[in-house]
Amino acid sequence: MLAYLTLKKKAMKRTRRKQLGSTKWEPELNDEVLLKCQPTSDAALGITAKFMRPFGGPWVITKIIPPSCYKISDKEGKIRAVFLNRWVMAWYQGLASIIPGRERPEETYNMLQDFISPVDN
């Protein structure tokens, strides 16, 4: 009987806990998004999939196919493919510093200099 009560208590705790994965984000036409990619390791080149980025992009939504598919293209309009909503993630300007090809070294350098240099007051 004690085991049943413990299981029941933990089940109630799980149902009351906040769901972390649920979001209300609905992609719209011409939104920039990231796409989930499957990184693969390459021993010859010394690349480990564990340290590769799980998302690539940004890409642009060119068509919404109800209820949960999106036609994705690059900035020039070249169609990439149709993807399900679970493979699409919202992209915002703050992610630009962690996506390859989107780095702005001069801005990062200036930001670091402001952070490192003491303020004269």
N, C-alpha and C. Protein backbone atom coordinates (compact mmCIF):
# COMPACT_ATOMS: atom_id res chain seq x y z
N MET A 1 0.82 -1.19 0.00
CA MET A 1 0.00 0.00 0.00
C MET A 1 0.87 1.26 0.00
N LEU A 2 2.00 1.22 0.71
CA LEU A 2 2.90 2.36 0.76
C LEU A 2 3.49 2.65 -0.62
N ALA A 3 3.83 1.57 -1.37
CA ALA A 3 4.38 1.75 -2.71
C ALA A 3 3.36 2.43 -3.62
N TYR A 4 2.10 2.03 -3.53
CA TYR A 4 1.04 2.63 -4.34
C TYR A 4 0.89 4.11 -4.03
N LEU A 5 0.91 4.47 -2.77
CA LEU A 5 0.77 5.88 -2.38
C LEU A 5 1.95 6.71 -2.90
N THR A 6 3.14 6.13 -2.84
CA THR A 6 4.33 6.84 -3.34
C THR A 6 4.21 7.05 -4.85
N LEU A 7 3.81 6.01 -5.58
CA LEU A 7 3.64 6.14 -7.03
C LEU A 7 2.56 7.17 -7.37
N LYS A 8 1.47 7.14 -6.65
CA LYS A 8 0.36 8.07 -6.89
C LYS A 8 0.82 9.52 -6.63
N LYS A 9 1.58 9.72 -5.57
CA LYS A 9 2.08 11.06 -5.22
C LYS A 9 3.02 11.58 -6.31
N LYS A 10 3.90 10.73 -6.80
CA LYS A 10 4.83 11.16 -7.85
C LYS A 10 4.11 11.43 -9.16
N ALA A 11 3.07 10.64 -9.46
CA ALA A 11 2.29 10.87 -10.68
C ALA A 11 1.58 12.21 -10.62
N MET A 12 1.02 12.54 -9.47
CA MET A 12 0.36 13.83 -9.31
C MET A 12 1.35 14.99 -9.45
N LYS A 13 2.55 14.79 -8.92
CA LYS A 13 3.59 15.81 -9.02
C LYS A 13 3.99 16.04 -10.48
N ARG A 14 4.07 14.96 -11.28
CA ARG A 14 4.41 15.08 -12.69
C ARG A 14 3.34 15.83 -13.46
N THR A 15 2.08 15.59 -13.15
CA THR A 15 1.00 16.26 -13.89
C THR A 15 0.91 17.74 -13.54
N ARG A 16 1.31 18.13 -12.36
CA ARG A 16 1.28 19.54 -11.96
C ARG A 16 2.50 20.31 -12.44
N ARG A 17 3.57 19.59 -12.79
CA ARG A 17 4.81 20.24 -13.20
C ARG A 17 4.61 20.97 -14.53
N LYS A 18 5.29 22.08 -14.70
CA LYS A 18 5.18 22.87 -15.91
C LYS A 18 5.75 22.09 -17.10
N GLN A 19 5.04 22.12 -18.20
CA GLN A 19 5.51 21.47 -19.42
C GLN A 19 6.52 22.39 -20.09
N LEU A 20 7.77 21.96 -20.22
CA LEU A 20 8.82 22.81 -20.76
C LEU A 20 8.81 22.87 -22.29
N GLY A 21 8.38 21.81 -22.95
CA GLY A 21 8.48 21.75 -24.40
C GLY A 21 7.35 22.41 -25.16
N SER A 22 6.31 22.80 -24.50
CA SER A 22 5.18 23.37 -25.23
C SER A 22 5.37 24.86 -25.43
N THR A 23 5.20 25.31 -26.66
CA THR A 23 5.30 26.73 -26.96
C THR A 23 4.12 27.13 -27.82
N LYS A 24 3.88 28.39 -27.91
CA LYS A 24 2.78 28.91 -28.70
C LYS A 24 3.27 29.58 -29.98
N TRP A 25 4.52 29.31 -30.38
CA TRP A 25 5.09 29.94 -31.57
C TRP A 25 4.46 29.35 -32.82
N GLU A 26 3.90 30.21 -33.64
CA GLU A 26 3.31 29.81 -34.92
C GLU A 26 4.09 30.50 -36.03
N PRO A 27 4.85 29.75 -36.83
CA PRO A 27 5.60 30.38 -37.92
C PRO A 27 4.66 31.02 -38.94
N GLU A 28 5.08 32.15 -39.48
CA GLU A 28 4.31 32.85 -40.49
C GLU A 28 5.12 32.93 -41.77
N LEU A 29 4.46 33.35 -42.83
CA LEU A 29 5.11 33.49 -44.13
C LEU A 29 6.25 34.49 -44.05
N ASN A 30 7.37 34.18 -44.67
CA ASN A 30 8.58 35.01 -44.72
C ASN A 30 9.29 35.13 -43.37
N ASP A 31 8.97 34.29 -42.42
CA ASP A 31 9.72 34.24 -41.17
C ASP A 31 11.05 33.52 -41.40
N GLU A 32 12.08 33.97 -40.72
CA GLU A 32 13.35 33.27 -40.78
C GLU A 32 13.36 32.19 -39.71
N VAL A 33 13.79 30.99 -40.09
CA VAL A 33 13.77 29.85 -39.19
C VAL A 33 15.08 29.08 -39.29
N LEU A 34 15.32 28.26 -38.28
CA LEU A 34 16.43 27.31 -38.30
C LEU A 34 15.85 25.93 -38.54
N LEU A 35 16.61 25.06 -39.20
CA LEU A 35 16.17 23.70 -39.48
C LEU A 35 17.05 22.71 -38.74
N LYS A 36 16.43 21.70 -38.18
CA LYS A 36 17.17 20.66 -37.49
C LYS A 36 17.92 19.83 -38.52
N CYS A 37 19.19 19.61 -38.28
CA CYS A 37 20.00 18.80 -39.18
C CYS A 37 20.60 17.63 -38.39
N GLN A 38 21.01 16.61 -39.09
CA GLN A 38 21.58 15.43 -38.45
C GLN A 38 23.08 15.44 -38.64
N PRO A 39 23.84 15.90 -37.65
CA PRO A 39 25.29 15.91 -37.79
C PRO A 39 25.84 14.49 -37.74
N THR A 40 26.85 14.24 -38.57
CA THR A 40 27.49 12.93 -38.58
C THR A 40 28.99 13.11 -38.35
N SER A 41 29.55 12.17 -37.64
CA SER A 41 30.97 12.21 -37.33
C SER A 41 31.79 11.77 -38.54
N ASP A 42 33.04 12.25 -38.59
CA ASP A 42 33.98 11.83 -39.63
C ASP A 42 35.34 11.67 -38.97
N ALA A 43 35.71 10.42 -38.76
CA ALA A 43 36.96 10.13 -38.05
C ALA A 43 38.17 10.59 -38.84
N ALA A 44 38.11 10.51 -40.18
CA ALA A 44 39.25 10.90 -41.01
C ALA A 44 39.56 12.38 -40.88
N LEU A 45 38.52 13.19 -40.76
CA LEU A 45 38.71 14.63 -40.62
C LEU A 45 38.79 15.08 -39.17
N GLY A 46 38.52 14.17 -38.23
CA GLY A 46 38.56 14.51 -36.82
C GLY A 46 37.35 15.31 -36.37
N ILE A 47 36.21 15.07 -37.00
CA ILE A 47 34.98 15.80 -36.66
C ILE A 47 34.10 14.89 -35.81
N THR A 48 33.67 15.40 -34.68
CA THR A 48 32.79 14.65 -33.79
C THR A 48 31.41 15.28 -33.83
N ALA A 49 30.39 14.47 -34.10
CA ALA A 49 29.02 14.98 -34.20
C ALA A 49 28.54 15.57 -32.88
N LYS A 50 29.11 15.12 -31.79
CA LYS A 50 28.69 15.61 -30.47
C LYS A 50 28.86 17.12 -30.34
N PHE A 51 29.88 17.66 -31.03
CA PHE A 51 30.18 19.08 -30.89
C PHE A 51 29.69 19.92 -32.06
N MET A 52 28.92 19.33 -32.98
CA MET A 52 28.40 20.07 -34.11
C MET A 52 27.07 20.72 -33.75
N ARG A 53 26.70 21.74 -34.47
CA ARG A 53 25.45 22.45 -34.21
C ARG A 53 24.26 21.62 -34.68
N PRO A 54 23.22 21.51 -33.88
CA PRO A 54 22.06 20.70 -34.27
C PRO A 54 21.10 21.42 -35.23
N PHE A 55 21.27 22.74 -35.41
CA PHE A 55 20.38 23.49 -36.29
C PHE A 55 21.20 24.26 -37.30
N GLY A 56 20.68 24.41 -38.51
CA GLY A 56 21.34 25.17 -39.55
C GLY A 56 20.40 26.22 -40.12
N GLY A 57 20.97 27.25 -40.70
CA GLY A 57 20.12 28.29 -41.29
C GLY A 57 20.73 29.65 -41.11
N PRO A 58 20.02 30.70 -41.20
CA PRO A 58 18.56 30.79 -41.25
C PRO A 58 18.03 30.58 -42.66
N TRP A 59 16.82 30.06 -42.73
CA TRP A 59 16.08 29.84 -43.95
C TRP A 59 14.79 30.65 -43.87
N VAL A 60 14.08 30.76 -44.97
CA VAL A 60 12.86 31.56 -45.03
C VAL A 60 11.68 30.66 -45.36
N ILE A 61 10.57 30.85 -44.66
CA ILE A 61 9.35 30.10 -44.96
C ILE A 61 8.68 30.76 -46.16
N THR A 62 8.54 30.00 -47.27
CA THR A 62 7.93 30.56 -48.47
C THR A 62 6.48 30.13 -48.65
N LYS A 63 6.08 29.02 -48.01
CA LYS A 63 4.70 28.57 -48.12
C LYS A 63 4.34 27.76 -46.89
N ILE A 64 3.14 27.96 -46.38
CA ILE A 64 2.66 27.19 -45.24
C ILE A 64 1.66 26.17 -45.78
N ILE A 65 1.93 24.88 -45.49
CA ILE A 65 1.06 23.80 -45.93
C ILE A 65 0.36 23.26 -44.69
N PRO A 66 -0.93 23.60 -44.51
CA PRO A 66 -1.63 23.19 -43.30
C PRO A 66 -1.68 21.67 -43.17
N PRO A 67 -1.66 21.11 -41.98
CA PRO A 67 -1.65 21.79 -40.70
C PRO A 67 -0.25 22.02 -40.14
N SER A 68 0.77 21.29 -40.63
CA SER A 68 2.05 21.39 -39.91
C SER A 68 3.28 21.29 -40.81
N CYS A 69 3.18 21.63 -42.08
CA CYS A 69 4.33 21.58 -42.98
C CYS A 69 4.66 22.97 -43.50
N TYR A 70 5.94 23.17 -43.83
CA TYR A 70 6.40 24.46 -44.32
C TYR A 70 7.35 24.24 -45.48
N LYS A 71 7.16 25.01 -46.55
CA LYS A 71 8.10 24.98 -47.66
C LYS A 71 9.18 26.00 -47.35
N ILE A 72 10.42 25.55 -47.34
CA ILE A 72 11.54 26.37 -46.89
C ILE A 72 12.46 26.67 -48.08
N SER A 73 12.95 27.91 -48.15
CA SER A 73 13.91 28.28 -49.19
C SER A 73 15.00 29.15 -48.57
N ASP A 74 16.05 29.39 -49.35
CA ASP A 74 17.11 30.27 -48.86
C ASP A 74 16.74 31.72 -49.17
N LYS A 75 17.62 32.64 -48.86
CA LYS A 75 17.34 34.07 -49.02
C LYS A 75 17.13 34.46 -50.49
N GLU A 76 17.77 33.73 -51.41
CA GLU A 76 17.64 34.03 -52.83
C GLU A 76 16.37 33.44 -53.44
N GLY A 77 15.64 32.62 -52.70
CA GLY A 77 14.41 32.04 -53.19
C GLY A 77 14.54 30.62 -53.70
N LYS A 78 15.72 30.03 -53.62
CA LYS A 78 15.92 28.65 -54.07
C LYS A 78 15.28 27.72 -53.04
N ILE A 79 14.30 26.91 -53.48
CA ILE A 79 13.56 26.03 -52.59
C ILE A 79 14.48 24.94 -52.06
N ARG A 80 14.44 24.73 -50.75
CA ARG A 80 15.22 23.66 -50.15
C ARG A 80 14.39 22.38 -50.06
N ALA A 81 13.25 22.43 -49.38
CA ALA A 81 12.38 21.26 -49.25
C ALA A 81 11.16 21.64 -48.42
N VAL A 82 10.33 20.63 -48.14
CA VAL A 82 9.18 20.80 -47.26
C VAL A 82 9.52 20.11 -45.94
N PHE A 83 9.29 20.81 -44.82
CA PHE A 83 9.66 20.29 -43.52
C PHE A 83 8.46 20.31 -42.58
N LEU A 84 8.45 19.37 -41.65
CA LEU A 84 7.44 19.36 -40.59
C LEU A 84 7.78 20.40 -39.54
N ASN A 85 6.77 20.80 -38.76
CA ASN A 85 7.00 21.85 -37.77
C ASN A 85 7.95 21.41 -36.65
N ARG A 86 8.12 20.12 -36.41
CA ARG A 86 9.03 19.70 -35.35
C ARG A 86 10.50 19.86 -35.75
N TRP A 87 10.77 20.07 -37.04
CA TRP A 87 12.14 20.29 -37.50
C TRP A 87 12.47 21.77 -37.66
N VAL A 88 11.50 22.64 -37.37
CA VAL A 88 11.67 24.07 -37.57
C VAL A 88 11.74 24.76 -36.21
N MET A 89 12.68 25.69 -36.08
CA MET A 89 12.83 26.43 -34.84
C MET A 89 12.90 27.92 -35.17
N ALA A 90 12.36 28.75 -34.32
CA ALA A 90 12.37 30.19 -34.55
C ALA A 90 13.80 30.72 -34.57
N TRP A 91 14.09 31.64 -35.49
CA TRP A 91 15.40 32.28 -35.57
C TRP A 91 15.22 33.74 -35.24
N TYR A 92 16.10 34.26 -34.42
CA TYR A 92 16.08 35.68 -34.12
C TYR A 92 17.50 36.20 -34.15
N GLN A 93 17.64 37.50 -34.23
CA GLN A 93 18.94 38.13 -34.46
C GLN A 93 19.96 37.76 -33.40
N GLY A 94 19.53 37.47 -32.18
CA GLY A 94 20.46 37.10 -31.12
C GLY A 94 21.20 35.81 -31.38
N LEU A 95 20.66 34.96 -32.24
CA LEU A 95 21.32 33.70 -32.58
C LEU A 95 22.41 33.87 -33.62
N ALA A 96 22.52 35.05 -34.21
CA ALA A 96 23.46 35.27 -35.30
C ALA A 96 24.90 35.00 -34.88
N SER A 97 25.22 35.19 -33.62
CA SER A 97 26.61 35.02 -33.18
C SER A 97 27.00 33.56 -33.02
N ILE A 98 26.04 32.62 -33.02
CA ILE A 98 26.40 31.22 -32.83
C ILE A 98 26.20 30.38 -34.08
N ILE A 99 25.79 31.01 -35.19
CA ILE A 99 25.58 30.28 -36.43
C ILE A 99 26.75 30.54 -37.36
N PRO A 100 27.34 29.48 -37.93
CA PRO A 100 28.49 29.69 -38.80
C PRO A 100 28.12 30.55 -40.01
N GLY A 101 29.02 31.44 -40.38
CA GLY A 101 28.77 32.32 -41.50
C GLY A 101 28.00 33.57 -41.13
N ARG A 102 27.57 33.66 -39.89
CA ARG A 102 26.79 34.81 -39.44
C ARG A 102 27.54 35.60 -38.37
N GLU A 103 28.79 35.27 -38.14
CA GLU A 103 29.53 35.97 -37.11
C GLU A 103 29.86 37.39 -37.56
N ARG A 104 29.90 38.28 -36.64
CA ARG A 104 30.32 39.64 -36.90
C ARG A 104 31.49 39.93 -35.96
N PRO A 105 32.71 39.61 -36.39
CA PRO A 105 33.85 39.71 -35.47
C PRO A 105 34.08 41.10 -34.93
N GLU A 106 33.83 42.14 -35.74
CA GLU A 106 34.09 43.50 -35.25
C GLU A 106 33.13 43.88 -34.14
N GLU A 107 31.86 43.45 -34.24
CA GLU A 107 30.91 43.74 -33.17
C GLU A 107 31.27 42.96 -31.91
N THR A 108 31.66 41.70 -32.08
CA THR A 108 32.06 40.89 -30.92
C THR A 108 33.29 41.49 -30.26
N TYR A 109 34.26 41.93 -31.07
CA TYR A 109 35.47 42.53 -30.54
C TYR A 109 35.14 43.81 -29.76
N ASN A 110 34.28 44.66 -30.34
CA ASN A 110 33.90 45.91 -29.65
C ASN A 110 33.17 45.62 -28.34
N MET A 111 32.30 44.60 -28.38
CA MET A 111 31.57 44.25 -27.17
C MET A 111 32.52 43.76 -26.08
N LEU A 112 33.51 42.95 -26.48
CA LEU A 112 34.47 42.45 -25.51
C LEU A 112 35.35 43.57 -24.96
N GLN A 113 35.73 44.51 -25.82
CA GLN A 113 36.53 45.63 -25.36
C GLN A 113 35.77 46.48 -24.35
N ASP A 114 34.48 46.69 -24.60
CA ASP A 114 33.66 47.44 -23.64
C ASP A 114 33.55 46.70 -22.31
N PHE A 115 33.50 45.39 -22.41
CA PHE A 115 33.36 44.58 -21.20
C PHE A 115 34.66 44.54 -20.41
N ILE A 116 35.79 44.44 -21.12
CA ILE A 116 37.09 44.29 -20.46
C ILE A 116 37.63 45.63 -19.95
N SER A 117 37.51 46.68 -20.77
CA SER A 117 38.10 47.96 -20.38
C SER A 117 37.34 48.58 -19.21
N PRO A 118 38.08 49.14 -18.25
CA PRO A 118 37.41 49.76 -17.10
C PRO A 118 36.72 51.07 -17.50
N VAL A 119 35.68 51.38 -16.80
CA VAL A 119 34.92 52.62 -17.04
C VAL A 119 35.58 53.74 -16.25
N ASP A 120 35.87 54.86 -16.92
CA ASP A 120 36.49 56.00 -16.24
C ASP A 120 35.42 56.93 -15.71
N ASN A 121 35.27 56.97 -14.41
CA ASN A 121 34.30 57.89 -13.77
C ASN A 121 34.94 58.55 -12.60
